[in-house]
Amino acid sequence: MLPLNFKQTFDIEFLQSLYDHLQGYDESLKLVLRTKSGRKTDDPSQACIGEIRNSSNKPLFGMGPKEGVVHLKHTGELRTPLLDFLKEQGVDKEAVSFDMGIICVMAYAVLVAGGGLVYAVNNYAEFLYPYILACVAFVLSGLALMAYSYKPGQEKWSVPSFILLAIGALPTAPASLLTLPMVKSLGRAKLKRLLEHGEEEKGLSHT
């Protein structure tokens, strides 16, 4: 499963509180703070990026300048206390909108398909156009499968969705960056559902 996210400006008190909360369950956790340039720092006042890492040095939670990120596949037994903390902080109240994501995905499809057609015709390379359309189809299929994989009990489809998305997005970069708002919206929607119906979704995922 791809990391889930929520809108949140960097808040050292939020991050420190979550770290202290999770350490009550696992004392091996580490809090890593970084400055804007990416350098590690022990001074909270200089930090604008932070991560909580487990004993294997894998991130469970991260916070950047504009969002928080939950690496659910690394949480293990800390999944429930982490989600409980986020719910207590009101993260589940965040409104999730797909409007920008839909607009950007449509713009991506039009830009790549239209631009590809112009390029193919002007360079007498019409044989390339089906390949360009196939890339668009892979990206759209990957996004659709990603949305499906975020439903309860369908996590097994997250890897195939990422593969489809990568196959189509890499050849069409940088235009494929327009799909990022949709990916983020899907992640926010999944996190919101987990916070609202966490135990129900967790139970369904094992059926």
Protein backbone atom coordinates (compact mmCIF):
# COMPACT_ATOMS: atom_id res chain seq x y z
CA MET A 1 0.00 0.00 0.00
CA LEU A 2 1.25 3.46 -0.88
CA PRO A 3 1.69 5.93 2.00
CA LEU A 4 -1.49 7.67 3.12
CA ASN A 5 -1.50 11.40 3.72
CA PHE A 6 -3.41 14.30 5.21
CA LYS A 7 -3.10 18.06 5.01
CA GLN A 8 -1.08 19.42 7.91
CA THR A 9 1.56 22.12 8.07
CA PHE A 10 4.67 21.05 9.94
CA ASP A 11 3.94 21.07 13.66
CA ILE A 12 6.75 19.97 15.95
CA GLU A 13 4.38 19.70 18.92
CA PHE A 14 2.09 17.39 16.95
CA LEU A 15 5.05 15.24 15.89
CA GLN A 16 6.60 15.16 19.35
CA SER A 17 3.27 14.26 20.96
CA LEU A 18 2.76 11.38 18.54
CA TYR A 19 6.31 10.17 19.13
CA ASP A 20 5.83 10.24 22.92
CA HIS A 21 2.50 8.45 22.54
CA LEU A 22 3.95 5.65 20.39
CA GLN A 23 7.01 5.25 22.59
CA GLY A 24 4.63 4.08 25.30
CA TYR A 25 4.13 1.00 23.11
CA ASP A 26 7.60 0.68 21.58
CA GLU A 27 10.66 2.33 23.12
CA SER A 28 12.84 1.46 20.12
CA LEU A 29 11.26 4.17 17.98
CA LYS A 30 13.42 7.04 16.78
CA LEU A 31 12.48 10.62 15.98
CA VAL A 32 14.49 12.06 13.09
CA LEU A 33 14.31 15.80 12.47
CA ARG A 34 15.64 17.63 9.43
CA THR A 35 16.09 21.23 8.40
CA LYS A 36 14.67 22.69 5.19
CA SER A 37 17.87 21.70 3.37
CA GLY A 38 17.48 18.08 4.50
CA ARG A 39 20.21 18.05 7.13
CA LYS A 40 19.58 16.24 10.39
CA THR A 41 19.16 18.43 13.45
CA ASP A 42 18.56 17.95 17.15
CA ASP A 43 17.09 21.44 17.48
CA PRO A 44 13.28 21.30 17.15
CA SER A 45 13.15 25.02 16.39
CA GLN A 46 15.15 24.47 13.18
CA ALA A 47 13.22 21.45 11.99
CA CYS A 48 10.68 21.58 9.18
CA ILE A 49 10.70 17.87 8.30
CA GLY A 50 10.37 14.97 10.70
CA GLU A 51 9.98 11.19 10.72
CA ILE A 52 9.22 8.56 13.31
CA ARG A 53 11.17 5.38 12.47
CA ASN A 54 11.00 1.86 13.88
CA SER A 55 13.88 -0.35 15.02
CA SER A 56 14.45 -1.41 11.38
CA ASN A 57 14.85 2.28 10.47
CA LYS A 58 11.68 2.23 8.37
CA PRO A 59 9.40 5.27 8.62
CA LEU A 60 6.02 4.86 10.31
CA PHE A 61 5.04 8.49 10.10
CA GLY A 62 6.43 11.57 8.46
CA MET A 63 5.61 15.24 8.46
CA GLY A 64 6.71 17.75 5.85
CA PRO A 65 6.00 21.44 5.39
CA LYS A 66 2.47 20.85 4.05
CA GLU A 67 1.35 17.31 4.89
CA GLY A 68 1.57 14.36 7.22
CA VAL A 69 2.31 10.91 5.80
CA VAL A 70 1.37 7.54 7.30
CA HIS A 71 3.39 4.52 6.16
CA LEU A 72 0.78 1.99 7.19
CA LYS A 73 2.69 -1.09 6.01
CA HIS A 74 5.48 -0.32 8.51
CA THR A 75 3.29 0.31 11.55
CA GLY A 76 2.78 -3.29 12.66
CA GLU A 77 1.30 -3.43 16.16
CA LEU A 78 1.49 0.36 16.36
CA ARG A 79 -1.21 0.73 13.72
CA THR A 80 -4.08 1.10 16.19
CA PRO A 81 -2.43 3.58 18.61
CA LEU A 82 -1.17 5.65 15.67
CA LEU A 83 -4.60 5.85 14.05
CA ASP A 84 -6.21 6.53 17.43
CA PHE A 85 -3.89 9.49 17.96
CA LEU A 86 -4.67 10.92 14.53
CA LYS A 87 -8.37 10.59 15.20
CA GLU A 88 -7.99 12.37 18.54
CA GLN A 89 -6.26 15.19 16.66
CA GLY A 90 -9.26 15.51 14.34
CA VAL A 91 -7.56 14.27 11.18
CA ASP A 92 -10.72 12.32 10.35
CA LYS A 93 -12.61 15.63 10.09
CA GLU A 94 -10.57 16.71 7.08
CA ALA A 95 -12.73 17.18 3.99
CA VAL A 96 -11.49 15.21 1.00
CA SER A 97 -12.11 16.60 -2.48
CA PHE A 98 -11.35 14.90 -5.79
CA ASP A 99 -12.12 17.97 -7.92
CA MET A 100 -8.52 19.05 -8.47
CA GLY A 101 -7.42 15.45 -9.00
CA ILE A 102 -10.06 14.87 -11.68
CA ILE A 103 -9.19 18.13 -13.46
CA CYS A 104 -5.47 17.29 -13.44
CA VAL A 105 -6.04 13.73 -14.69
CA MET A 106 -8.19 15.04 -17.54
CA ALA A 107 -5.53 17.63 -18.34
CA TYR A 108 -2.90 14.87 -18.36
CA ALA A 109 -4.92 12.72 -20.78
CA VAL A 110 -5.62 15.64 -23.12
CA LEU A 111 -2.04 16.93 -22.98
CA VAL A 112 -0.39 13.57 -23.66
CA ALA A 113 -2.92 12.33 -26.22
CA GLY A 114 -3.16 15.68 -28.02
CA GLY A 115 0.53 16.50 -27.83
CA GLY A 116 1.41 12.97 -28.86
CA LEU A 117 -0.80 13.20 -31.93
CA VAL A 118 0.76 16.49 -33.02
CA TYR A 119 4.25 15.11 -32.49
CA ALA A 120 3.51 11.86 -34.33
CA VAL A 121 1.97 13.63 -37.34
CA ASN A 122 4.61 16.34 -37.64
CA ASN A 123 7.43 13.83 -37.40
CA TYR A 124 5.86 11.19 -39.63
CA ALA A 125 5.84 8.79 -36.69
CA GLU A 126 2.19 7.81 -36.59
CA PHE A 127 3.25 4.32 -35.50
CA LEU A 128 4.21 5.82 -32.10
CA TYR A 129 0.74 7.16 -31.39
CA PRO A 130 -0.79 3.82 -30.26
CA TYR A 131 2.09 3.51 -27.79
CA ILE A 132 1.34 6.99 -26.41
CA LEU A 133 -2.34 6.13 -26.05
CA ALA A 134 -1.37 2.87 -24.34
CA CYS A 135 0.65 4.86 -21.76
CA VAL A 136 -2.40 7.01 -21.03
CA ALA A 137 -4.53 3.88 -20.71
CA PHE A 138 -2.02 2.34 -18.28
CA VAL A 139 -2.05 5.47 -16.12
CA LEU A 140 -5.85 5.68 -16.02
CA SER A 141 -6.13 1.95 -15.32
CA GLY A 142 -3.53 2.23 -12.57
CA LEU A 143 -5.43 5.06 -10.89
CA ALA A 144 -8.71 3.15 -11.12
CA LEU A 145 -7.12 0.02 -9.66
CA MET A 146 -5.48 2.09 -6.92
CA ALA A 147 -8.88 3.46 -5.93
CA TYR A 148 -10.18 -0.12 -5.83
CA SER A 149 -7.19 -1.37 -3.81
CA TYR A 150 -7.95 1.21 -1.11
CA LYS A 151 -11.33 -0.42 -0.44
CA PRO A 152 -11.60 -2.78 2.58
CA GLY A 153 -10.10 -6.18 1.87
CA GLN A 154 -8.61 -5.24 -1.50
CA GLU A 155 -5.09 -4.24 -0.43
CA LYS A 156 -3.59 -7.01 -2.60
CA TRP A 157 -4.30 -4.87 -5.66
CA SER A 158 -2.11 -1.99 -4.50
CA VAL A 159 1.09 -3.40 -6.04
CA PRO A 160 -0.49 -4.14 -9.46
CA SER A 161 -2.01 -0.65 -9.45
CA PHE A 162 1.39 0.91 -8.79
CA ILE A 163 2.98 -1.18 -11.56
CA LEU A 164 0.34 -0.10 -14.08
CA LEU A 165 0.72 3.52 -13.03
CA ALA A 166 4.51 3.38 -13.30
CA ILE A 167 4.43 1.72 -16.74
CA GLY A 168 2.32 4.53 -18.13
CA ALA A 169 3.69 7.45 -16.10
CA LEU A 170 7.44 7.02 -16.63
CA PRO A 171 7.39 7.34 -20.45
CA THR A 172 5.03 10.32 -20.26
CA ALA A 173 6.88 12.31 -17.61
CA PRO A 174 6.84 15.16 -16.71
CA ALA A 175 3.18 15.40 -17.80
CA SER A 176 2.40 12.41 -15.57
CA LEU A 177 3.09 14.62 -12.52
CA LEU A 178 -0.43 15.91 -13.11
CA THR A 179 -1.71 12.63 -11.68
CA LEU A 180 -0.17 13.32 -8.25
CA PRO A 181 -3.16 15.33 -6.93
CA MET A 182 -5.42 12.33 -7.61
CA VAL A 183 -2.99 9.94 -5.91
CA LYS A 184 -2.89 12.22 -2.87
CA SER A 185 -6.69 12.56 -2.81
CA LEU A 186 -7.06 8.78 -2.89
CA GLY A 187 -4.60 8.51 0.00
CA ARG A 188 -6.49 11.10 2.05
CA ALA A 189 -9.80 9.36 1.39
CA LYS A 190 -8.35 6.00 2.48
CA LEU A 191 -6.91 7.48 5.68
CA LYS A 192 -10.22 9.18 6.45
CA ARG A 193 -12.08 5.86 6.07
CA LEU A 194 -9.55 4.10 8.29
CA LEU A 195 -9.96 6.69 11.01
CA GLU A 196 -13.74 6.52 10.81
CA HIS A 197 -14.08 2.74 10.42
CA GLY A 198 -10.63 1.44 11.31
CA GLU A 199 -11.47 -1.80 13.04
CA GLU A 200 -14.17 -2.63 10.51
CA GLU A 201 -11.80 -2.15 7.58
CA LYS A 202 -9.04 -4.05 9.34
CA GLY A 203 -11.36 -6.97 9.94
CA LEU A 204 -12.59 -7.02 6.36
CA SER A 205 -9.04 -7.00 5.04
CA HIS A 206 -8.47 -10.42 6.61
CA THR A 207 -11.63 -12.05 5.30
